Protein backbone atom coordinates (compact mmCIF):
# COMPACT_ATOMS: atom_id res chain seq x y z
CA MET A 1 19.37 -23.71 -18.65
CA ASP A 2 20.92 -21.07 -16.34
CA ARG A 3 19.90 -21.90 -12.76
CA ASN A 4 18.85 -18.32 -12.03
CA ILE A 5 16.60 -18.23 -15.11
CA LEU A 6 15.12 -21.58 -14.11
CA ARG A 7 14.64 -20.26 -10.56
CA ASN A 8 12.64 -17.28 -11.79
CA ILE A 9 10.47 -19.44 -14.08
CA LEU A 10 9.68 -21.85 -11.25
CA ILE A 11 8.87 -19.05 -8.81
CA LEU A 12 6.49 -17.43 -11.27
CA THR A 13 4.72 -20.72 -11.98
CA GLY A 14 4.73 -21.83 -8.36
CA SER A 15 6.62 -25.03 -9.32
CA THR A 16 9.69 -24.77 -7.08
CA ALA A 17 9.74 -28.35 -5.79
CA ALA A 18 12.27 -29.36 -8.45
CA LEU A 19 14.89 -27.09 -6.90
CA ALA A 20 14.18 -27.92 -3.25
CA PRO A 21 17.20 -29.56 -1.55
CA THR A 22 17.14 -33.15 -0.42
CA TYR A 23 17.17 -31.85 3.17
CA ALA A 24 13.44 -31.16 2.77
CA GLN A 25 12.81 -34.83 2.09
CA THR A 26 14.58 -36.10 5.20
CA THR A 27 13.99 -33.48 7.89
CA ARG A 28 10.92 -31.61 9.00
CA LYS A 29 11.77 -28.00 8.30
CA PRO A 30 10.87 -25.39 10.91
CA ASN A 31 8.05 -22.99 10.21
CA ILE A 32 8.98 -19.31 10.38
CA ILE A 33 6.95 -16.33 11.53
CA TYR A 34 8.81 -13.06 11.16
CA ILE A 35 6.95 -10.22 12.88
CA MET A 36 8.27 -6.79 11.99
CA CYS A 37 6.47 -3.73 13.30
CA ASP A 38 6.91 -0.18 12.10
CA ASP A 39 8.90 2.60 13.82
CA MET A 40 9.12 0.98 17.27
CA GLY A 41 12.15 2.22 19.18
CA TYR A 42 14.69 0.16 21.09
CA GLY A 43 13.15 1.21 24.40
CA ASP A 44 9.45 0.91 23.57
CA LEU A 45 8.94 -2.57 25.11
CA GLY A 46 8.83 -3.56 28.75
CA CYS A 47 11.57 -6.15 28.23
CA TYR A 48 13.82 -3.36 26.93
CA GLY A 49 13.12 -1.04 29.86
CA GLN A 50 9.86 0.71 28.95
CA HIS A 51 7.89 1.84 32.02
CA TYR A 52 4.75 3.40 30.55
CA ILE A 53 3.54 0.92 27.93
CA SER A 54 2.17 -2.54 28.72
CA THR A 55 3.60 -5.31 26.50
CA PRO A 56 3.01 -8.55 28.46
CA CYS A 57 2.92 -10.90 25.46
CA ILE A 58 6.15 -9.71 23.85
CA ASP A 59 7.83 -9.59 27.28
CA GLN A 60 6.77 -13.21 27.77
CA MET A 61 8.15 -14.05 24.35
CA ALA A 62 11.49 -12.59 25.45
CA ARG A 63 11.44 -14.72 28.61
CA GLU A 64 10.80 -17.79 26.46
CA GLY A 65 13.46 -16.97 23.88
CA MET A 66 16.56 -14.90 23.15
CA ARG A 67 16.57 -11.11 23.42
CA PHE A 68 19.30 -9.31 21.50
CA THR A 69 20.71 -6.03 22.79
CA GLN A 70 22.86 -5.09 19.79
CA ALA A 71 20.63 -5.83 16.80
CA TYR A 72 20.36 -3.32 13.98
CA ALA A 73 17.93 -2.43 11.24
CA GLY A 74 19.15 -2.22 7.67
CA SER A 75 18.45 1.51 7.47
CA PRO A 76 16.92 4.29 9.60
CA VAL A 77 13.73 4.32 7.47
CA SER A 78 11.23 1.78 6.24
CA ALA A 79 11.67 0.86 2.57
CA PRO A 80 15.48 0.51 2.54
CA SER A 81 15.51 -1.27 5.89
CA ARG A 82 13.05 -3.83 4.52
CA ALA A 83 15.15 -4.06 1.36
CA CYS A 84 18.18 -5.08 3.46
CA LEU A 85 16.08 -7.77 5.14
CA MET A 86 14.75 -9.06 1.83
CA THR A 87 18.00 -8.97 -0.15
CA GLY A 88 20.67 -9.86 2.41
CA GLN A 89 22.52 -6.71 1.36
CA HIS A 90 23.48 -3.62 3.33
CA SER A 91 22.36 -0.19 2.19
CA GLY A 92 25.58 0.50 0.29
CA HIS A 93 24.81 -2.41 -2.03
CA THR A 94 21.04 -2.92 -2.19
CA TRP A 95 19.09 -1.16 -4.95
CA VAL A 96 16.40 0.40 -2.72
CA ARG A 97 18.11 2.83 -0.33
CA GLY A 98 15.32 5.29 0.35
CA ASN A 99 11.57 5.89 0.27
CA LYS A 100 11.32 6.75 -3.43
CA GLU A 101 7.65 7.27 -4.28
CA HIS A 102 6.00 6.27 -7.57
CA TRP A 103 2.50 7.62 -6.88
CA LYS A 104 3.02 11.39 -7.03
CA SER A 105 2.61 11.67 -10.81
CA SER A 106 -0.16 9.06 -10.97
CA PRO A 107 -3.66 10.13 -12.13
CA ILE A 108 -6.42 10.54 -9.57
CA ILE A 109 -9.25 8.10 -8.93
CA TYR A 110 -12.22 8.65 -6.59
CA TYR A 111 -13.59 6.41 -3.87
CA GLY A 112 -16.88 8.03 -3.06
CA ASP A 113 -15.91 11.69 -2.79
CA ASN A 114 -12.34 10.86 -1.77
CA ALA A 115 -9.46 11.44 -4.18
CA ASP A 116 -6.71 8.84 -4.32
CA HIS A 117 -4.05 7.73 -6.82
CA THR A 118 -4.49 5.17 -9.57
CA GLN A 119 -1.06 3.63 -8.93
CA VAL A 120 0.72 3.58 -5.60
CA GLY A 121 3.95 2.26 -4.16
CA GLN A 122 7.69 2.70 -3.91
CA GLU A 123 10.86 1.86 -5.88
CA PRO A 124 10.87 -1.86 -6.86
CA TYR A 125 13.44 -4.36 -5.63
CA ASP A 126 16.04 -5.35 -8.21
CA THR A 127 14.57 -8.37 -10.02
CA ALA A 128 18.06 -9.62 -10.92
CA HIS A 129 18.78 -10.28 -7.24
CA ILE A 130 16.96 -12.99 -5.28
CA ILE A 131 14.97 -11.99 -2.18
CA LEU A 132 14.06 -13.89 0.97
CA PRO A 133 10.57 -15.16 -0.01
CA GLU A 134 12.01 -16.55 -3.23
CA VAL A 135 14.67 -18.40 -1.24
CA LEU A 136 11.96 -19.86 0.97
CA LYS A 137 9.89 -20.93 -2.04
CA LEU A 138 12.90 -22.75 -3.47
CA ASN A 139 13.11 -24.65 -0.20
CA GLY A 140 9.55 -25.91 -0.37
CA TYR A 141 7.87 -23.28 1.83
CA THR A 142 4.39 -21.85 1.51
CA THR A 143 4.76 -18.10 1.98
CA GLY A 144 2.43 -15.38 3.19
CA MET A 145 2.89 -11.69 3.85
CA PHE A 146 0.51 -9.45 5.77
CA GLY A 147 1.13 -5.74 6.25
CA LYS A 148 3.46 -3.37 4.46
CA TRP A 149 5.21 -4.41 1.21
CA ALA A 150 7.19 -1.26 0.22
CA GLY A 151 9.21 -3.21 -2.39
CA GLY A 152 7.56 -1.93 -5.54
CA TYR A 153 4.48 -0.15 -6.83
CA GLU A 154 1.28 -1.61 -8.24
CA GLY A 155 1.95 -3.16 -11.65
CA SER A 156 5.73 -2.93 -11.26
CA THR A 157 8.28 -5.70 -11.77
CA SER A 158 8.40 -6.31 -8.01
CA THR A 159 5.14 -7.10 -6.25
CA PRO A 160 4.17 -9.94 -3.91
CA LYS A 161 2.92 -11.90 -6.94
CA THR A 162 6.27 -11.77 -8.74
CA ARG A 163 8.61 -12.14 -5.74
CA GLY A 164 7.74 -15.44 -4.09
CA ILE A 165 4.68 -14.56 -1.98
CA ASP A 166 1.79 -17.03 -2.18
CA GLU A 167 -0.72 -14.95 -0.22
CA TYR A 168 -0.63 -11.22 0.52
CA PHE A 169 -2.87 -8.69 2.23
CA GLY A 170 -1.99 -5.17 3.31
CA TYR A 171 -0.48 -1.97 1.93
CA ILE A 172 1.58 -2.20 -1.25
CA CYS A 173 2.40 1.48 -0.66
CA GLN A 174 3.85 2.66 2.62
CA HIS A 175 2.54 6.19 2.05
CA GLN A 176 -0.98 4.77 1.91
CA ALA A 177 -0.17 3.10 5.24
CA HIS A 178 -0.07 6.53 6.90
CA ALA A 179 -3.87 6.27 7.17
CA TYR A 180 -5.23 3.49 9.40
CA TYR A 181 -8.72 3.89 7.91
CA PRO A 182 -7.83 3.91 4.19
CA ASN A 183 -9.99 3.80 1.08
CA PHE A 184 -8.57 0.42 0.08
CA LEU A 185 -6.04 -2.28 0.89
CA ASN A 186 -4.18 -4.58 -1.49
CA ARG A 187 -4.52 -8.33 -1.85
CA TYR A 188 -2.93 -11.12 -3.83
CA SER A 189 -4.77 -14.37 -3.19
CA PRO A 190 -4.83 -16.95 -5.99
CA SER A 191 -7.07 -19.13 -3.80
CA ARG A 192 -9.70 -16.39 -4.14
CA GLY A 193 -9.21 -16.05 -7.87
CA ASP A 194 -6.67 -13.20 -7.92
CA THR A 195 -4.37 -13.28 -10.93
CA ASP A 196 -2.51 -10.15 -9.83
CA VAL A 197 -2.37 -7.73 -6.92
CA VAL A 198 -5.83 -6.17 -6.57
CA ARG A 199 -7.44 -3.42 -4.52
CA ILE A 200 -9.99 -4.32 -1.89
CA VAL A 201 -12.18 -1.25 -1.49
CA LEU A 202 -13.25 -0.62 2.11
CA GLU A 203 -16.83 0.31 1.39
CA ASP A 204 -17.71 1.39 4.93
CA ASN A 205 -14.75 3.78 5.00
CA ILE A 206 -15.28 5.57 1.71
CA ARG A 207 -18.67 6.88 2.83
CA TYR A 208 -16.74 9.37 4.94
CA GLY A 209 -13.94 11.86 4.40
CA MET A 210 -10.16 11.45 4.42
CA PRO A 211 -7.87 12.21 7.42
CA CYS A 212 -8.38 15.66 8.93
CA SER A 213 -11.94 15.88 7.61
CA ASP A 214 -14.87 16.31 9.99
CA THR A 215 -16.22 12.84 9.14
CA TYR A 216 -13.03 10.75 9.10
CA GLU A 217 -13.63 9.49 12.63
CA GLN A 218 -16.84 7.81 11.46
CA ARG A 219 -14.82 5.31 9.41
CA THR A 220 -14.96 1.84 10.96
CA GLN A 221 -12.66 -0.46 8.94
CA TYR A 222 -9.39 -0.30 10.88
CA SER A 223 -6.56 -1.61 8.73
CA ALA A 224 -4.39 -3.02 11.52
CA ASP A 225 -7.21 -5.30 12.67
CA LEU A 226 -8.10 -6.28 9.10
CA ILE A 227 -4.49 -7.22 8.32
CA HIS A 228 -4.11 -9.20 11.52
CA ARG A 229 -7.34 -11.12 10.87
CA GLU A 230 -6.10 -12.08 7.40
CA ALA A 231 -2.80 -13.24 8.90
CA MET A 232 -4.61 -15.41 11.46
CA ALA A 233 -6.89 -16.88 8.77
CA TRP A 234 -3.79 -17.79 6.78
CA LEU A 235 -2.29 -19.49 9.84
CA GLU A 236 -5.53 -21.41 10.33
CA GLU A 237 -5.20 -22.73 6.80
CA ARG A 238 -1.53 -23.61 7.32
CA ALA A 239 -2.41 -25.68 10.40
CA LYS A 240 -4.48 -27.94 8.14
CA HIS A 241 -1.34 -28.89 6.20
CA PRO A 242 1.26 -29.75 8.88
CA ASP A 243 3.57 -31.52 6.42
CA VAL A 244 4.14 -28.34 4.36
CA PRO A 245 6.48 -25.82 6.02
CA PHE A 246 5.27 -22.23 6.04
CA ALA A 247 6.88 -18.84 6.37
CA GLY A 248 4.81 -15.82 7.34
CA LEU A 249 6.06 -12.24 7.14
CA LEU A 250 3.80 -10.22 9.44
CA THR A 251 4.85 -6.67 8.67
CA TYR A 252 2.38 -4.82 10.89
CA THR A 253 2.17 -1.04 10.45
CA LEU A 254 1.77 -0.29 14.17
CA PRO A 255 2.98 1.98 15.80
CA HIS A 256 3.73 4.18 12.77
CA ALA A 257 1.77 7.42 12.56
CA GLU A 258 -1.09 8.29 12.16
CA LEU A 259 -1.93 8.18 15.86
CA PHE A 260 -5.55 7.21 15.46
CA GLN A 261 -7.31 3.95 16.28
CA PRO A 262 -10.59 2.54 17.66
CA ARG A 263 -11.73 4.30 20.80
CA ASP A 264 -11.89 1.12 22.84
CA SER A 265 -10.71 0.02 26.27
CA LEU A 266 -7.05 -0.01 25.22
CA LEU A 267 -7.12 3.68 24.37
CA SER A 268 -9.38 4.74 27.23
CA GLY A 269 -7.17 2.90 29.71
CA TYR A 270 -4.16 4.96 28.72
CA GLN A 271 -6.21 8.15 28.65
CA LYS A 272 -6.90 7.58 32.35
CA MET A 273 -3.19 6.99 32.93
CA PHE A 274 -1.65 9.95 31.07
CA HIS A 275 -2.63 13.31 32.50
CA ASP A 276 0.03 15.34 30.68
CA GLU A 277 -1.24 14.72 27.14
CA LYS A 278 0.03 16.00 23.82
CA SER A 279 -2.20 17.19 20.99
CA TYR A 280 -1.55 17.16 17.26
CA ALA A 281 -3.36 19.39 14.75
CA GLY A 282 -3.28 16.94 11.84
CA SER A 283 -1.71 17.09 8.38
CA PRO A 284 -3.84 16.22 5.31
CA GLY A 285 -0.76 16.01 3.05
CA THR A 286 0.78 13.25 5.13
CA MET A 287 -2.61 11.65 5.89
CA TYR A 288 -2.05 12.04 9.65
CA HIS A 289 -5.34 12.73 11.43
CA TYR A 290 -5.48 15.09 14.38
CA THR A 291 -5.56 13.83 17.97
CA ASP A 292 -5.91 15.33 21.42
CA CYS A 293 -4.24 12.38 23.17
CA ALA A 294 -1.05 11.49 21.28
CA HIS A 295 0.63 9.77 24.25
CA SER A 296 -2.37 7.52 24.85
CA GLN A 297 -2.72 6.79 21.15
CA PHE A 298 0.92 5.74 20.77
CA ALA A 299 0.93 3.57 23.88
CA ALA A 300 -2.33 1.88 22.93
CA MET A 301 -0.98 1.13 19.45
CA ILE A 302 1.92 -0.79 20.94
CA THR A 303 -0.29 -2.66 23.41
CA ARG A 304 -2.64 -3.53 20.55
CA LEU A 305 0.34 -4.87 18.61
CA ASP A 306 1.35 -6.84 21.69
CA ALA A 307 -2.08 -8.47 21.72
CA TYR A 308 -1.63 -9.48 18.06
CA VAL A 309 1.68 -11.15 18.94
CA GLY A 310 0.04 -12.91 21.88
CA GLU A 311 -2.69 -14.25 19.61
CA VAL A 312 -0.13 -15.66 17.19
CA LEU A 313 1.82 -17.40 19.97
CA THR A 314 -1.35 -18.79 21.52
CA PHE A 315 -2.42 -20.16 18.15
CA LEU A 316 0.90 -21.96 17.70
CA ARG A 317 0.61 -23.58 21.14
CA GLU A 318 -2.99 -24.63 20.68
CA HIS A 319 -2.34 -26.19 17.27
CA GLY A 320 0.79 -28.13 18.20
CA LEU A 321 3.03 -25.88 16.08
CA ASP A 322 4.95 -24.31 18.92
CA GLU A 323 8.15 -26.35 18.97
CA ASN A 324 8.57 -26.41 15.21
CA THR A 325 8.04 -22.70 14.60
CA ILE A 326 10.70 -19.99 14.80
CA VAL A 327 9.11 -16.68 15.79
CA VAL A 328 11.00 -13.41 15.45
CA PHE A 329 9.84 -10.01 16.69
CA THR A 330 11.56 -6.80 15.63
CA SER A 331 11.07 -3.26 14.28
CA ASP A 332 12.12 -1.79 10.94
CA ASN A 333 13.97 1.22 12.40
CA GLY A 334 14.08 3.56 15.38
CA PRO A 335 11.20 5.56 16.86
CA HIS A 336 9.41 8.33 14.97
CA GLU A 337 8.17 11.76 16.04
CA GLU A 338 5.55 12.09 13.32
CA GLY A 339 1.84 12.70 13.68
CA GLY A 340 2.24 13.81 17.31
CA ALA A 341 4.48 10.96 18.51
CA ASP A 342 6.88 11.86 21.30
CA PRO A 343 9.85 9.47 21.62
CA THR A 344 11.44 11.68 24.28
CA PHE A 345 8.44 11.21 26.55
CA PHE A 346 8.50 7.41 26.32
CA ASN A 347 12.28 7.00 26.47
CA ARG A 348 13.16 9.43 29.21
CA ASP A 349 16.29 7.52 30.21
CA GLY A 350 17.88 8.83 26.99
CA LEU A 351 19.74 5.57 26.44
CA LEU A 352 20.31 6.10 22.71
CA ARG A 353 20.87 9.22 20.65
CA GLY A 354 18.83 9.84 17.53
CA ILE A 355 15.53 8.66 16.09
CA LYS A 356 14.20 7.51 12.72
CA ARG A 357 16.24 8.89 9.77
CA SER A 358 19.44 9.06 11.82
CA THR A 359 22.43 6.70 11.68
CA HIS A 360 23.08 7.40 15.35
CA GLU A 361 22.20 4.39 17.50
CA GLY A 362 18.63 5.51 18.19
CA GLY A 363 17.75 5.44 14.51
CA ILE A 364 19.05 1.95 13.76
CA ARG A 365 19.34 -0.14 16.95
CA ILE A 366 16.11 -2.05 17.36
CA PRO A 367 14.45 -4.68 19.56
CA TYR A 368 15.07 -8.21 18.31
CA ILE A 369 13.63 -11.32 19.97
CA VAL A 370 13.77 -14.91 18.71
CA ARG A 371 11.66 -17.69 20.19
CA TRP A 372 11.96 -21.38 19.23
CA PRO A 373 11.10 -23.73 22.12
CA GLY A 374 13.54 -26.60 22.52
CA HIS A 375 16.15 -24.97 20.28
CA VAL A 376 16.69 -21.38 21.46
CA LYS A 377 17.44 -21.28 25.19
CA ALA A 378 14.71 -19.47 27.09
CA GLY A 379 15.53 -16.30 28.98
CA THR A 380 18.78 -15.59 27.12
CA VAL A 381 20.04 -12.04 26.67
CA ASN A 382 22.68 -11.79 23.96
CA ASP A 383 24.95 -8.95 22.81
CA HIS A 384 25.87 -10.43 19.41
CA GLN A 385 26.01 -7.66 16.78
CA LEU A 386 23.64 -8.45 13.93
CA ALA A 387 21.84 -6.54 11.19
CA PHE A 388 18.86 -7.24 8.95
CA TYR A 389 21.07 -8.46 6.13
CA ASP A 390 22.09 -11.36 8.39
CA VAL A 391 18.58 -12.82 8.30
CA MET A 392 18.82 -14.48 4.88
CA PRO A 393 21.96 -16.55 5.67
CA THR A 394 20.57 -17.36 9.11
CA VAL A 395 17.33 -18.65 7.64
CA CYS A 396 19.24 -20.70 5.07
CA GLU A 397 21.30 -22.35 7.79
CA LEU A 398 18.30 -23.07 10.03
CA ILE A 399 16.27 -24.67 7.23
CA GLY A 400 19.19 -26.70 5.89
CA ASP A 401 19.74 -24.78 2.66
CA GLU A 402 23.41 -25.39 2.02
CA GLY A 403 25.61 -23.41 -0.30
CA PHE A 404 24.58 -19.86 0.60
CA PRO A 405 25.49 -17.45 -0.88
CA GLU A 406 27.19 -19.02 -3.90
CA LYS A 407 24.08 -20.85 -5.12
CA TYR A 408 22.08 -17.62 -5.23
CA VAL A 409 24.63 -15.35 -6.91
CA ASN A 410 23.34 -14.19 -10.28
CA PRO A 411 26.14 -14.80 -12.83
CA ARG A 412 24.64 -12.21 -15.16
CA LEU A 413 25.55 -9.45 -12.69
CA THR A 414 29.09 -8.10 -12.53
CA HIS A 415 28.71 -7.98 -8.76
CA ASP A 416 25.89 -9.64 -6.84
CA TYR A 417 26.45 -8.86 -3.19
CA PHE A 418 25.42 -10.79 -0.09
CA ASP A 419 26.62 -9.03 3.05
CA GLY A 420 25.15 -11.10 5.86
CA ILE A 421 26.60 -13.60 8.31
CA SER A 422 24.40 -16.31 9.81
CA PHE A 423 23.76 -15.94 13.52
CA ALA A 424 22.25 -19.43 13.75
CA PRO A 425 25.14 -20.65 15.95
CA THR A 426 24.26 -17.96 18.50
CA LEU A 427 20.59 -18.90 18.43
CA LEU A 428 21.36 -22.58 18.91
CA GLY A 429 23.84 -22.03 21.74
CA HIS A 430 27.01 -22.71 19.73
CA GLU A 431 28.64 -19.32 20.22
CA GLY A 432 32.12 -20.78 19.84
CA GLU A 433 31.23 -21.39 16.19
CA GLN A 434 29.76 -17.92 15.62
CA LEU A 435 31.44 -15.78 12.98
CA ARG A 436 31.33 -12.06 13.65
CA HIS A 437 31.22 -8.99 11.47
CA ASP A 438 34.36 -6.95 10.99
CA PHE A 439 31.98 -4.02 10.59
CA LEU A 440 28.31 -3.06 10.10
CA TYR A 441 27.37 -0.44 7.52
CA TRP A 442 24.55 2.07 6.84
CA GLU A 443 23.86 4.98 4.53
CA PHE A 444 20.78 7.15 4.07
CA HIS A 445 20.53 9.85 1.43
CA GLU A 446 17.59 11.83 2.84
CA THR A 447 19.58 13.09 5.83
CA ASP A 448 22.91 12.61 4.00
CA MET A 449 24.18 10.32 6.76
CA MET A 450 26.35 7.23 6.87
CA GLY A 451 27.37 4.95 9.71
CA VAL A 452 29.94 2.25 10.39
CA ARG A 453 30.28 0.13 13.49
CA MET A 454 33.60 -1.66 13.97
CA GLY A 455 33.74 -3.48 17.29
CA GLU A 456 32.96 -0.79 19.86
CA TRP A 457 33.91 2.02 17.49
CA LYS A 458 31.09 3.90 15.76
CA LEU A 459 31.69 6.37 12.93
CA VAL A 460 28.82 8.71 12.04
CA VAL A 461 29.16 10.73 8.84
CA LYS A 462 26.85 13.64 8.05
CA ALA A 463 27.33 15.60 4.82
CA GLY A 464 30.86 14.19 4.65
CA GLU A 465 31.85 15.23 8.18
CA CYS A 466 33.08 12.38 10.39
CA LYS A 467 32.55 11.90 14.11
CA LEU A 468 33.90 8.92 16.04
CA TYR A 469 32.43 7.45 19.21
CA ASN A 470 33.46 4.62 21.53
CA LEU A 471 30.20 2.86 22.36
CA ALA A 472 31.82 0.91 25.19
CA ASP A 473 31.80 4.03 27.38
CA ASP A 474 29.73 6.48 25.31
CA LEU A 475 26.58 4.67 24.20
CA HIS A 476 24.74 7.98 23.76
CA GLU A 477 27.38 9.15 21.26
CA ASP A 478 28.10 12.42 23.02
CA ASN A 479 31.88 12.62 22.78
CA ASP A 480 33.51 12.86 19.36
CA VAL A 481 36.98 11.34 19.74
CA SER A 482 37.95 11.44 16.06
CA ALA A 483 40.85 13.83 16.73
CA LEU A 484 42.31 11.36 19.25
CA TYR A 485 42.15 8.32 16.96
CA PRO A 486 42.92 9.41 13.39
CA ASP A 487 44.05 5.90 12.42
CA ILE A 488 40.68 4.44 13.45
CA VAL A 489 38.86 7.12 11.47
CA ALA A 490 41.04 6.47 8.42
CA ARG A 491 40.34 2.74 8.60
CA MET A 492 36.57 3.28 8.87
CA LYS A 493 36.58 5.81 6.04
CA GLN A 494 38.29 3.18 3.93
CA ILE A 495 35.49 0.74 4.79
CA ILE A 496 32.97 3.27 3.47
CA ARG A 497 34.88 3.70 0.20
CA GLN A 498 35.13 -0.07 -0.12
CA GLU A 499 31.45 -0.81 0.64
CA HIS A 500 29.61 2.07 -1.01
CA THR A 501 28.43 1.51 -4.58
CA GLU A 502 27.13 4.52 -6.45
CA SER A 503 23.38 5.02 -6.78
CA ALA A 504 21.86 7.54 -9.16
CA LEU A 505 18.63 7.48 -7.11
CA PHE A 506 20.01 7.73 -3.58
CA ARG A 507 23.14 9.89 -3.35
CA VAL A 508 25.17 10.50 -0.20
CA THR A 509 28.27 12.59 0.51
CA LEU A 510 31.29 10.38 1.14
CA PRO A 511 33.78 11.41 3.85
């Protein structure tokens, strides 16, 4: 039988032990917790220079691990960036390259008096190409995901149930995730009797109106807390089975808009701190509720997220899992200005140009911290250039899965791309063995932008027009030097033509 067909059968039945490598039988594999927040900018953490927002737990994590200064998301927006992480492909090769919605033509259903859609979610991942949770399952891991999925819609060919996730709780649909007090969340939990992804109706919420209504603020079931509690309960269960390696994808939705959360001490503390506040009138169509304290809301969201991270790290220490668990913290793309958010206010040093949806540095360069006591040297700051599509080969190397990528190429596809390079040597202090990218690549149809980084050269393409920057002395990308270096531009344009594969769903203008 074709190995890829066998792989899919075993993933669907949960019987992947037959394909697990012999490494699993001889070495205790590391656990993995990959924490990816939503729309946090490069400069939104204290350890990356933030002065207004308190992030003591993540800052401590950086002191205990390796902090990368030149790490990049897969795309400047959520769904395609996550697709690059999941597939090991850059956005010129992966199927999902934008936030294509599948709920707009769906019939309406009511929760109380509140209208919602009967089917929600985004464009599914290509089922012919393996994704990261499936790789982990084939290596004997128990997998859990808590937060945003964004890799398919309800009932599609690509949901947590069908793509290697043992336990899931959160938002299948990233549009639904715009509301922090939603009508429902999604769950897939066979241990609770789920045979497919189901909706968990938040009964205390649906008694009141949707965002921007007069009663919305009376809702009490805050999704970020609910998702985090489910993640911690899953970790509690994993601690009872120390001989079975686990991998948790904690894809928290903070600090994405809407800017609305419990009015507790976190929020009130920042309200006392910020005297020059910003208000936002609300937008029912986007599900962003109004606020009179946008700065305080945004800062408190990040500090709340920091507390979640601290709770995870404390749990690992207290349960003897610390030294055998790799913990990663990152963001899916650059900072947003939606729902009243103000990235200019919080990043007044202007280090990077651009925000979410831009292939300038501010839209794609993200915080990236890796902590693994006894393996990753504490307090290290590293300038290795990496992107989300490097995670899959890195994980394979760290867990002893040999033969990547050849063993995972689908022979039924004319081309099955894997674009990543493992940065495990950098993590483990063997930088002399570290391979480096000749270039990094991005494209995003919504703003018709492309980007290529080649060493210190950065080419930004918008609607086919090229601009070249030298990041070594122009990190803010202010000075277009394309006229001075036509040979460099020509070489980088050739990279684009070489790397871009056509997509009927997500079209961009080539240079």
